Amino acid sequence: MENQVDTRTKIVERLIDEKGHTVKSFAREIDIPYTTLRSILKRGIGNSSVDNVIKICKGLGITTEDLQNMAEGDDDANMTIAAHFDGDWTEEELKQLESFKNYLKSQRG
């Protein structure tokens, strides 16, 4: 089973990609040197300074708690990510979000 450090790093890499950034352009946007961000992603988010993790999460529109929850498989955290998305949703994406929301509601006890 994959550890949470690797999971968090993969989540960050996926979110950077989903925002339409390369690692280099994202580093520039959040004001972290590219080599530093590249190193963070190679070593794992858990080995980074708190300040850099906060910058990364803020740039992704999430909190550090959201990142941890996603790494632990918390489905509500994924909805938080969707809520922070600042782009335009396609009709298909809106339908998928609605389906996912209904799925989450169905999982409640």
Protein backbone atom coordinates (compact mmCIF):
# COMPACT_ATOMS: atom_id res chain seq x y z
CA MET A 1 0.00 0.00 0.00
CA GLU A 2 1.20 3.44 -0.93
CA ASN A 3 2.19 5.67 1.97
CA GLN A 4 0.56 9.03 2.61
CA VAL A 5 3.69 10.99 1.69
CA ASP A 6 3.64 9.50 -1.80
CA THR A 7 -0.14 9.91 -1.98
CA ARG A 8 0.00 13.59 -1.01
CA THR A 9 2.72 14.23 -3.56
CA LYS A 10 0.76 12.51 -6.33
CA ILE A 11 -2.34 14.50 -5.39
CA VAL A 12 -0.38 17.75 -5.62
CA GLU A 13 1.10 16.73 -8.98
CA ARG A 14 -2.37 15.83 -10.28
CA LEU A 15 -3.88 19.11 -9.06
CA ILE A 16 -1.06 21.15 -10.62
CA ASP A 17 -1.75 19.37 -13.90
CA GLU A 18 -5.52 19.84 -13.57
CA LYS A 19 -4.99 23.58 -13.10
CA GLY A 20 -3.27 23.54 -16.49
CA HIS A 21 0.20 24.21 -15.14
CA THR A 22 3.56 22.67 -15.57
CA VAL A 23 5.66 22.36 -12.43
CA LYS A 24 7.70 25.31 -13.67
CA SER A 25 4.72 27.60 -14.32
CA PHE A 26 3.09 26.64 -11.02
CA ALA A 27 6.33 27.36 -9.13
CA ARG A 28 6.44 30.79 -10.73
CA GLU A 29 2.77 31.43 -9.81
CA ILE A 30 3.27 30.55 -6.13
CA ASP A 31 6.66 32.26 -5.89
CA ILE A 32 8.73 29.17 -5.10
CA PRO A 33 11.90 28.52 -7.11
CA TYR A 34 11.28 25.82 -9.72
CA THR A 35 14.18 23.73 -8.42
CA THR A 36 12.72 23.86 -4.92
CA LEU A 37 9.27 22.73 -6.06
CA ARG A 38 10.77 20.00 -8.23
CA SER A 39 12.78 18.80 -5.24
CA ILE A 40 9.71 18.86 -2.98
CA LEU A 41 7.79 16.71 -5.45
CA LYS A 42 10.70 14.30 -5.78
CA ARG A 43 11.32 13.92 -2.02
CA GLY A 44 7.69 14.08 -0.94
CA ILE A 45 5.50 16.85 0.43
CA GLY A 46 6.02 15.63 4.00
CA ASN A 47 9.70 16.49 3.77
CA SER A 48 9.04 20.11 2.88
CA SER A 49 8.90 23.21 5.05
CA VAL A 50 5.51 24.20 6.40
CA ASP A 51 5.75 27.54 4.59
CA ASN A 52 6.25 25.82 1.23
CA VAL A 53 3.41 23.35 1.83
CA ILE A 54 1.10 26.25 2.67
CA LYS A 55 2.16 28.10 -0.50
CA ILE A 56 1.55 24.99 -2.60
CA CYS A 57 -1.87 24.33 -1.08
CA LYS A 58 -2.90 27.98 -1.32
CA GLY A 59 -1.88 28.00 -4.98
CA LEU A 60 -4.05 24.94 -5.54
CA GLY A 61 -7.01 26.52 -3.74
CA ILE A 62 -7.02 23.96 -0.93
CA THR A 63 -5.95 23.81 2.70
CA THR A 64 -3.29 21.53 4.14
CA GLU A 65 -6.15 19.74 5.90
CA ASP A 66 -7.85 19.17 2.53
CA LEU A 67 -4.64 17.65 1.21
CA GLN A 68 -4.33 15.32 4.19
CA ASN A 69 -7.98 14.30 3.93
CA MET A 70 -7.57 13.49 0.23
CA ALA A 71 -4.51 11.39 1.04
CA GLU A 72 -6.59 9.47 3.57
CA GLY A 73 -9.29 8.84 0.95
CA ASP A 74 -11.88 11.23 2.36
CA ASP A 75 -14.42 11.72 -0.45
CA ASP A 76 -15.66 15.00 1.05
CA ALA A 77 -12.20 16.45 0.47
CA ASN A 78 -12.58 15.85 -3.26
CA MET A 79 -15.78 17.88 -3.22
CA THR A 80 -13.86 20.66 -1.50
CA ILE A 81 -11.42 20.66 -4.40
CA ALA A 82 -14.29 20.92 -6.85
CA ALA A 83 -15.76 23.80 -4.89
CA HIS A 84 -12.48 25.73 -5.14
CA PHE A 85 -12.12 25.26 -8.89
CA ASP A 86 -12.07 28.72 -10.43
CA GLY A 87 -12.56 27.79 -14.08
CA ASP A 88 -15.67 27.29 -16.15
CA TRP A 89 -17.41 23.92 -15.80
CA THR A 90 -18.59 22.09 -18.89
CA GLU A 91 -22.11 20.67 -18.90
CA GLU A 92 -20.65 17.15 -18.63
CA GLU A 93 -18.47 18.13 -15.64
CA LEU A 94 -21.48 19.64 -13.89
CA LYS A 95 -23.39 16.39 -14.42
CA GLN A 96 -20.45 14.40 -13.03
CA LEU A 97 -20.24 16.67 -9.98
CA GLU A 98 -23.96 16.26 -9.35
CA SER A 99 -23.62 12.47 -9.64
CA PHE A 100 -20.67 12.47 -7.27
CA LYS A 101 -22.56 14.64 -4.78
CA ASN A 102 -25.50 12.21 -4.90
CA TYR A 103 -23.14 9.29 -4.42
CA LEU A 104 -21.61 10.90 -1.34
CA LYS A 105 -25.05 11.55 0.12
CA SER A 106 -26.01 7.91 -0.47
CA GLN A 107 -23.00 6.76 1.58
CA ARG A 108 -24.18 8.50 4.73
CA GLY A 109 -25.42 6.25 7.52
